[in-house]
Amino acid sequence: MNDEHSSIDQFLAELDVQEAEGSPIKKDKDYQHNLYKKWFRSKTQSGFVSITPWFQALKMKIDIGKTSPEGKLISSTNVFVDAIDFGAYLKSITTGTALSTYFANDKMGVPTAEGFVSYGGGVIDGKPVSRIFKAHYWQANESYDSTSFVWKCGHFVARKSESGAFIPDMKQLISVDQIKVTRQEISSISYLMDLAMVSYVSNNTDWYENDR
């Protein structure tokens, strides 16, 4: 017990010194861990979805995977989405404004209202690959269920334009994984993103100078 009190007294003494010198204790922030991860299992499949911040680029990495009944990884597809755009989308769903903000867009591949799509890409194994994230109402047979959403991560063969954009060939699919996400889960993810974003910009006042 005396050792415990001694440790506490020492910490308080160090804190007093820090405050007196005008430099309060501040721990380094590490946002490279999963902000959100969910494992799922249904009658037909099982897998996971994880969201990992990459705040230096103001992006979120979304990884969706499929596992076997024994828990072994079968497939996994990840994409990077703009943290501001994705956060605004999730917030609009939780606040009930998405119906008047995010419309169905067949040209962009979004078949329902309250949908979202993000196009990106990268060079994988020396070849250009288009990374696409889509979210829209869950589809059951021929109808859509607006109480839940499907999140899809897809990789497609691509060509790189002169401007640096990755143009997907939608007929050449490399991999795709998807998961069902409820509105309640979206509310939790949105709140986590709010907390993480506020924490990051509060501790990095030059965040707006980062290249996006």
C-alpha atoms as a PDB file:
ATOM      1  CA  MET A   1       0.000   0.000   0.000  1.00  0.00           C
ATOM      2  CA  ASN A   2       2.842   2.379   0.838  1.00  0.00           C
ATOM      3  CA  ASP A   3       4.404   1.701  -2.568  1.00  0.00           C
ATOM      4  CA  GLU A   4       1.069   2.481  -4.208  1.00  0.00           C
ATOM      5  CA  HIS A   5       0.770   5.792  -2.357  1.00  0.00           C
ATOM      6  CA  SER A   6       4.369   6.603  -3.237  1.00  0.00           C
ATOM      7  CA  SER A   7       3.682   6.049  -6.927  1.00  0.00           C
ATOM      8  CA  ILE A   8       0.591   8.240  -6.803  1.00  0.00           C
ATOM      9  CA  ASP A   9       2.460  10.991  -4.929  1.00  0.00           C
ATOM     10  CA  GLN A  10       5.264  10.842  -7.471  1.00  0.00           C
ATOM     11  CA  PHE A  11       2.820  11.121 -10.368  1.00  0.00           C
ATOM     12  CA  LEU A  12       1.040  14.087  -8.776  1.00  0.00           C
ATOM     13  CA  ALA A  13       4.360  15.771  -8.136  1.00  0.00           C
ATOM     14  CA  GLU A  14       5.402  15.303 -11.768  1.00  0.00           C
ATOM     15  CA  LEU A  15       2.042  16.656 -12.891  1.00  0.00           C
ATOM     16  CA  ASP A  16       2.516  19.771 -10.737  1.00  0.00           C
ATOM     17  CA  VAL A  17       5.898  20.341 -12.352  1.00  0.00           C
ATOM     18  CA  GLN A  18       4.463  19.918 -15.827  1.00  0.00           C
ATOM     19  CA  GLU A  19       1.677  22.415 -15.121  1.00  0.00           C
ATOM     20  CA  ALA A  20       4.106  24.876 -13.558  1.00  0.00           C
ATOM     21  CA  GLU A  21       6.269  24.750 -16.675  1.00  0.00           C
ATOM     22  CA  GLY A  22       3.231  25.220 -18.899  1.00  0.00           C
ATOM     23  CA  SER A  23       3.596  21.863 -20.650  1.00  0.00           C
ATOM     24  CA  PRO A  24       0.830  19.501 -19.517  1.00  0.00           C
ATOM     25  CA  ILE A  25       1.335  15.784 -19.971  1.00  0.00           C
ATOM     26  CA  LYS A  26       0.287  14.702 -23.445  1.00  0.00           C
ATOM     27  CA  LYS A  27       0.500  11.182 -24.761  1.00  0.00           C
ATOM     28  CA  ASP A  28       1.219  10.522 -28.404  1.00  0.00           C
ATOM     29  CA  LYS A  29      -1.846   9.484 -30.355  1.00  0.00           C
ATOM     30  CA  ASP A  30      -1.803   6.325 -32.451  1.00  0.00           C
ATOM     31  CA  TYR A  31      -4.737   5.986 -34.814  1.00  0.00           C
ATOM     32  CA  GLN A  32      -3.412   2.982 -36.736  1.00  0.00           C
ATOM     33  CA  HIS A  33      -5.544   0.519 -34.764  1.00  0.00           C
ATOM     34  CA  ASN A  34      -9.083  -0.484 -35.697  1.00  0.00           C
ATOM     35  CA  LEU A  35     -11.603   2.174 -34.810  1.00  0.00           C
ATOM     36  CA  TYR A  36     -14.415  -0.327 -35.333  1.00  0.00           C
ATOM     37  CA  LYS A  37     -14.507  -4.068 -35.930  1.00  0.00           C
ATOM     38  CA  LYS A  38     -17.439  -6.441 -36.089  1.00  0.00           C
ATOM     39  CA  TRP A  39     -17.530 -10.189 -36.623  1.00  0.00           C
ATOM     40  CA  PHE A  40     -20.712 -11.613 -38.122  1.00  0.00           C
ATOM     41  CA  ARG A  41     -22.196 -15.028 -38.743  1.00  0.00           C
ATOM     42  CA  SER A  42     -25.417 -15.950 -40.529  1.00  0.00           C
ATOM     43  CA  LYS A  43     -26.935 -19.142 -41.919  1.00  0.00           C
ATOM     44  CA  THR A  44     -25.110 -18.641 -45.198  1.00  0.00           C
ATOM     45  CA  GLN A  45     -21.790 -16.962 -44.364  1.00  0.00           C
ATOM     46  CA  SER A  46     -19.535 -15.451 -41.718  1.00  0.00           C
ATOM     47  CA  GLY A  47     -16.867 -12.781 -41.727  1.00  0.00           C
ATOM     48  CA  PHE A  48     -15.946  -9.327 -40.473  1.00  0.00           C
ATOM     49  CA  VAL A  49     -15.822  -5.617 -41.205  1.00  0.00           C
ATOM     50  CA  SER A  50     -13.203  -3.256 -39.815  1.00  0.00           C
ATOM     51  CA  ILE A  51     -12.636   0.484 -40.110  1.00  0.00           C
ATOM     52  CA  THR A  52      -9.136   1.864 -39.539  1.00  0.00           C
ATOM     53  CA  PRO A  53      -8.240   5.566 -39.622  1.00  0.00           C
ATOM     54  CA  TRP A  54      -5.479   6.906 -41.839  1.00  0.00           C
ATOM     55  CA  PHE A  55      -5.711  10.458 -40.587  1.00  0.00           C
ATOM     56  CA  GLN A  56      -2.502  11.697 -42.171  1.00  0.00           C
ATOM     57  CA  ALA A  57      -4.355  11.414 -45.486  1.00  0.00           C
ATOM     58  CA  LEU A  58      -7.803  12.085 -43.939  1.00  0.00           C
ATOM     59  CA  LYS A  59      -9.030   8.684 -45.077  1.00  0.00           C
ATOM     60  CA  MET A  60     -10.638   5.601 -43.576  1.00  0.00           C
ATOM     61  CA  LYS A  61      -9.658   2.081 -44.542  1.00  0.00           C
ATOM     62  CA  ILE A  62     -12.682  -0.223 -44.757  1.00  0.00           C
ATOM     63  CA  ASP A  63     -11.896  -3.932 -44.843  1.00  0.00           C
ATOM     64  CA  ILE A  64     -14.589  -6.560 -45.369  1.00  0.00           C
ATOM     65  CA  GLY A  65     -13.725 -10.255 -45.205  1.00  0.00           C
ATOM     66  CA  LYS A  66     -15.288 -13.669 -45.392  1.00  0.00           C
ATOM     67  CA  THR A  67     -14.359 -16.602 -43.137  1.00  0.00           C
ATOM     68  CA  SER A  68     -15.045 -20.322 -43.183  1.00  0.00           C
ATOM     69  CA  PRO A  69     -17.193 -22.034 -40.514  1.00  0.00           C
ATOM     70  CA  GLU A  70     -13.881 -22.943 -38.845  1.00  0.00           C
ATOM     71  CA  GLY A  71     -12.891 -19.276 -38.690  1.00  0.00           C
ATOM     72  CA  LYS A  72     -10.260 -19.350 -41.440  1.00  0.00           C
ATOM     73  CA  LEU A  73     -10.004 -16.355 -43.771  1.00  0.00           C
ATOM     74  CA  ILE A  74     -11.436 -17.070 -47.221  1.00  0.00           C
ATOM     75  CA  SER A  75     -11.304 -13.617 -48.773  1.00  0.00           C
ATOM     76  CA  SER A  76     -10.783  -9.979 -47.831  1.00  0.00           C
ATOM     77  CA  THR A  77     -11.209  -6.766 -49.813  1.00  0.00           C
ATOM     78  CA  ASN A  78     -10.271  -3.300 -48.550  1.00  0.00           C
ATOM     79  CA  VAL A  79     -10.819   0.223 -49.812  1.00  0.00           C
ATOM     80  CA  PHE A  80      -9.914   3.751 -48.717  1.00  0.00           C
ATOM     81  CA  VAL A  81     -12.641   6.391 -48.444  1.00  0.00           C
ATOM     82  CA  ASP A  82     -12.393  10.106 -47.713  1.00  0.00           C
ATOM     83  CA  ALA A  83     -12.931  10.543 -43.968  1.00  0.00           C
ATOM     84  CA  ILE A  84     -14.887  13.800 -44.375  1.00  0.00           C
ATOM     85  CA  ASP A  85     -17.204  12.490 -47.097  1.00  0.00           C
ATOM     86  CA  PHE A  86     -17.791   9.170 -45.346  1.00  0.00           C
ATOM     87  CA  GLY A  87     -18.319  10.822 -41.964  1.00  0.00           C
ATOM     88  CA  ALA A  88     -20.824  13.261 -43.448  1.00  0.00           C
ATOM     89  CA  TYR A  89     -22.688  10.382 -45.073  1.00  0.00           C
ATOM     90  CA  LEU A  90     -22.956   8.385 -41.844  1.00  0.00           C
ATOM     91  CA  LYS A  91     -24.010  11.501 -39.928  1.00  0.00           C
ATOM     92  CA  SER A  92     -26.779  12.244 -42.436  1.00  0.00           C
ATOM     93  CA  ILE A  93     -28.210   8.754 -41.939  1.00  0.00           C
ATOM     94  CA  THR A  94     -28.199   9.084 -38.153  1.00  0.00           C
ATOM     95  CA  THR A  95     -29.821  12.536 -38.289  1.00  0.00           C
ATOM     96  CA  GLY A  96     -32.437  11.532 -40.878  1.00  0.00           C
ATOM     97  CA  THR A  97     -31.291  13.959 -43.592  1.00  0.00           C
ATOM     98  CA  ALA A  98     -29.842  11.396 -46.036  1.00  0.00           C
ATOM     99  CA  LEU A  99     -33.110  11.044 -47.964  1.00  0.00           C
ATOM    100  CA  SER A 100     -32.853  14.667 -49.072  1.00  0.00           C
ATOM    101  CA  THR A 101     -29.074  14.591 -49.579  1.00  0.00           C
ATOM    102  CA  TYR A 102     -28.018  11.232 -51.023  1.00  0.00           C
ATOM    103  CA  PHE A 103     -30.154  10.211 -53.981  1.00  0.00           C
ATOM    104  CA  ALA A 104     -30.240   7.047 -56.062  1.00  0.00           C
ATOM    105  CA  ASN A 105     -27.874   7.320 -59.004  1.00  0.00           C
ATOM    106  CA  ASP A 106     -27.879   4.472 -61.509  1.00  0.00           C
ATOM    107  CA  LYS A 107     -24.995   6.015 -63.440  1.00  0.00           C
ATOM    108  CA  MET A 108     -22.808   5.870 -60.319  1.00  0.00           C
ATOM    109  CA  GLY A 109     -24.074   2.401 -59.428  1.00  0.00           C
ATOM    110  CA  VAL A 110     -26.222   3.472 -56.472  1.00  0.00           C
ATOM    111  CA  PRO A 111     -29.674   1.851 -56.895  1.00  0.00           C
ATOM    112  CA  THR A 112     -31.427   3.349 -53.837  1.00  0.00           C
ATOM    113  CA  ALA A 113     -31.762   6.533 -51.857  1.00  0.00           C
ATOM    114  CA  GLU A 114     -29.439   7.007 -48.853  1.00  0.00           C
ATOM    115  CA  GLY A 115     -26.649   5.413 -50.860  1.00  0.00           C
ATOM    116  CA  PHE A 116     -22.972   6.244 -51.068  1.00  0.00           C
ATOM    117  CA  VAL A 117     -20.161   5.387 -53.476  1.00  0.00           C
ATOM    118  CA  SER A 118     -16.433   6.072 -53.370  1.00  0.00           C
ATOM    119  CA  TYR A 119     -14.025   5.445 -56.238  1.00  0.00           C
ATOM    120  CA  GLY A 120     -10.302   5.134 -55.708  1.00  0.00           C
ATOM    121  CA  GLY A 121      -7.400   2.980 -56.709  1.00  0.00           C
ATOM    122  CA  GLY A 122      -3.801   1.997 -56.348  1.00  0.00           C
ATOM    123  CA  VAL A 123      -1.029  -0.072 -57.844  1.00  0.00           C
ATOM    124  CA  ILE A 124      -1.030  -3.632 -56.505  1.00  0.00           C
ATOM    125  CA  ASP A 125       1.678  -6.063 -57.571  1.00  0.00           C
ATOM    126  CA  GLY A 126       2.698  -3.576 -60.229  1.00  0.00           C
ATOM    127  CA  LYS A 127      -0.772  -3.403 -61.779  1.00  0.00           C
ATOM    128  CA  PRO A 128      -3.380  -0.608 -61.528  1.00  0.00           C
ATOM    129  CA  VAL A 129      -6.408  -1.659 -59.491  1.00  0.00           C
ATOM    130  CA  SER A 130      -9.631   0.263 -58.986  1.00  0.00           C
ATOM    131  CA  ARG A 131     -11.011   0.189 -55.431  1.00  0.00           C
ATOM    132  CA  ILE A 132     -14.738   0.872 -55.084  1.00  0.00           C
ATOM    133  CA  PHE A 133     -16.892   1.176 -51.966  1.00  0.00           C
ATOM    134  CA  LYS A 134     -20.688   1.171 -52.225  1.00  0.00           C
ATOM    135  CA  ALA A 135     -23.461   1.398 -49.658  1.00  0.00           C
ATOM    136  CA  HIS A 136     -27.203   1.203 -50.271  1.00  0.00           C
ATOM    137  CA  TYR A 137     -30.336  -0.489 -48.935  1.00  0.00           C
ATOM    138  CA  TRP A 138     -30.084  -4.223 -48.301  1.00  0.00           C
ATOM    139  CA  GLN A 139     -31.599  -6.232 -51.140  1.00  0.00           C
ATOM    140  CA  ALA A 140     -33.768  -9.257 -50.399  1.00  0.00           C
ATOM    141  CA  ASN A 141     -34.748 -11.053 -53.590  1.00  0.00           C
ATOM    142  CA  GLU A 142     -36.211  -8.352 -55.850  1.00  0.00           C
ATOM    143  CA  SER A 143     -37.033  -5.808 -53.146  1.00  0.00           C
ATOM    144  CA  TYR A 144     -34.969  -3.459 -50.982  1.00  0.00           C
ATOM    145  CA  ASP A 145     -35.093  -3.272 -47.185  1.00  0.00           C
ATOM    146  CA  SER A 146     -34.566   0.319 -46.012  1.00  0.00           C
ATOM    147  CA  THR A 147     -33.982  -0.766 -42.383  1.00  0.00           C
ATOM    148  CA  SER A 148     -30.537  -2.134 -43.249  1.00  0.00           C
ATOM    149  CA  PHE A 149     -27.726  -1.471 -45.689  1.00  0.00           C
ATOM    150  CA  VAL A 150     -25.264  -3.503 -47.679  1.00  0.00           C
ATOM    151  CA  TRP A 151     -21.646  -2.343 -47.676  1.00  0.00           C
ATOM    152  CA  LYS A 152     -19.530  -3.612 -50.573  1.00  0.00           C
ATOM    153  CA  CYS A 153     -15.783  -3.423 -51.166  1.00  0.00           C
ATOM    154  CA  GLY A 154     -14.675  -4.288 -54.686  1.00  0.00           C
ATOM    155  CA  HIS A 155     -11.421  -4.456 -56.626  1.00  0.00           C
ATOM    156  CA  PHE A 156     -11.446  -4.261 -60.429  1.00  0.00           C
ATOM    157  CA  VAL A 157      -8.839  -4.323 -63.159  1.00  0.00           C
ATOM    158  CA  ALA A 158      -8.155  -0.696 -64.091  1.00  0.00           C
ATOM    159  CA  ARG A 159      -6.186   1.579 -66.347  1.00  0.00           C
ATOM    160  CA  LYS A 160      -4.522   4.724 -65.097  1.00  0.00           C
ATOM    161  CA  SER A 161      -5.431   7.916 -66.939  1.00  0.00           C
ATOM    162  CA  GLU A 162      -3.035  10.778 -67.672  1.00  0.00           C
ATOM    163  CA  SER A 163      -4.553  12.676 -64.742  1.00  0.00           C
ATOM    164  CA  GLY A 164      -3.724   9.802 -62.387  1.00  0.00           C
ATOM    165  CA  ALA A 165      -7.289   8.526 -62.000  1.00  0.00           C
ATOM    166  CA  PHE A 166      -7.945   4.780 -61.935  1.00  0.00           C
ATOM    167  CA  ILE A 167     -10.586   3.881 -64.533  1.00  0.00           C
ATOM    168  CA  PRO A 168     -12.239   0.547 -63.634  1.00  0.00           C
ATOM    169  CA  ASP A 169     -13.171  -2.170 -66.096  1.00  0.00           C
ATOM    170  CA  MET A 170     -16.385  -3.319 -64.444  1.00  0.00           C
ATOM    171  CA  LYS A 171     -16.308  -6.564 -66.453  1.00  0.00           C
ATOM    172  CA  GLN A 172     -13.008  -7.634 -64.873  1.00  0.00           C
ATOM    173  CA  LEU A 173     -13.696  -8.217 -61.198  1.00  0.00           C
ATOM    174  CA  ILE A 174     -10.731  -9.144 -59.019  1.00  0.00           C
ATOM    175  CA  SER A 175     -12.467  -9.498 -55.663  1.00  0.00           C
ATOM    176  CA  VAL A 176     -15.583  -8.343 -53.831  1.00  0.00           C
ATOM    177  CA  ASP A 177     -16.816  -8.742 -50.261  1.00  0.00           C
ATOM    178  CA  GLN A 178     -19.945  -7.411 -48.595  1.00  0.00           C
ATOM    179  CA  ILE A 179     -21.695  -7.200 -45.237  1.00  0.00           C
ATOM    180  CA  LYS A 180     -25.121  -6.264 -43.905  1.00  0.00           C
ATOM    181  CA  VAL A 181     -25.099  -3.189 -41.653  1.00  0.00           C
ATOM    182  CA  THR A 182     -28.080  -2.020 -39.597  1.00  0.00           C
ATOM    183  CA  ARG A 183     -29.033   1.582 -38.906  1.00  0.00           C
ATOM    184  CA  GLN A 184     -28.208   1.055 -35.254  1.00  0.00           C
ATOM    185  CA  GLU A 185     -24.698  -0.086 -36.175  1.00  0.00           C
ATOM    186  CA  ILE A 186     -24.283   2.927 -38.451  1.00  0.00           C
ATOM    187  CA  SER A 187     -25.214   5.194 -35.534  1.00  0.00           C
ATOM    188  CA  SER A 188     -22.463   3.621 -33.418  1.00  0.00           C
ATOM    189  CA  ILE A 189     -19.889   3.890 -36.216  1.00  0.00           C
ATOM    190  CA  SER A 190     -20.851   7.507 -36.878  1.00  0.00           C
ATOM    191  CA  TYR A 191     -20.417   8.417 -33.205  1.00  0.00           C
ATOM    192  CA  LEU A 192     -17.025   6.692 -33.069  1.00  0.00           C
ATOM    193  CA  MET A 193     -15.903   8.602 -36.155  1.00  0.00           C
ATOM    194  CA  ASP A 194     -17.039  11.881 -34.621  1.00  0.00           C
ATOM    195  CA  LEU A 195     -15.014  11.217 -31.473  1.00  0.00           C
ATOM    196  CA  ALA A 196     -11.947  10.143 -33.432  1.00  0.00           C
ATOM    197  CA  MET A 197     -12.048  13.103 -35.813  1.00  0.00           C
ATOM    198  CA  VAL A 198     -12.497  15.643 -33.017  1.00  0.00           C
ATOM    199  CA  SER A 199      -9.676  14.034 -31.040  1.00  0.00           C
ATOM    200  CA  TYR A 200      -7.363  14.055 -34.055  1.00  0.00           C
ATOM    201  CA  VAL A 201      -7.903  17.669 -35.113  1.00  0.00           C
ATOM    202  CA  SER A 202      -7.710  18.815 -31.479  1.00  0.00           C
ATOM    203  CA  ASN A 203      -4.263  17.265 -31.151  1.00  0.00           C
ATOM    204  CA  ASN A 204      -3.116  18.230 -34.653  1.00  0.00           C
ATOM    205  CA  THR A 205      -3.978  21.868 -35.242  1.00  0.00           C
ATOM    206  CA  ASP A 206      -2.292  21.815 -38.659  1.00  0.00           C
ATOM    207  CA  TRP A 207      -4.500  18.944 -39.894  1.00  0.00           C
ATOM    208  CA  TYR A 208      -5.979  21.093 -42.685  1.00  0.00           C
ATOM    209  CA  GLU A 209      -2.522  21.497 -44.217  1.00  0.00           C
ATOM    210  CA  ASN A 210      -2.206  17.748 -44.843  1.00  0.00           C
ATOM    211  CA  ASP A 211      -2.328  16.638 -48.449  1.00  0.00           C
ATOM    212  CA  ARG A 212      -5.650  14.999 -49.274  1.00  0.00           C
END
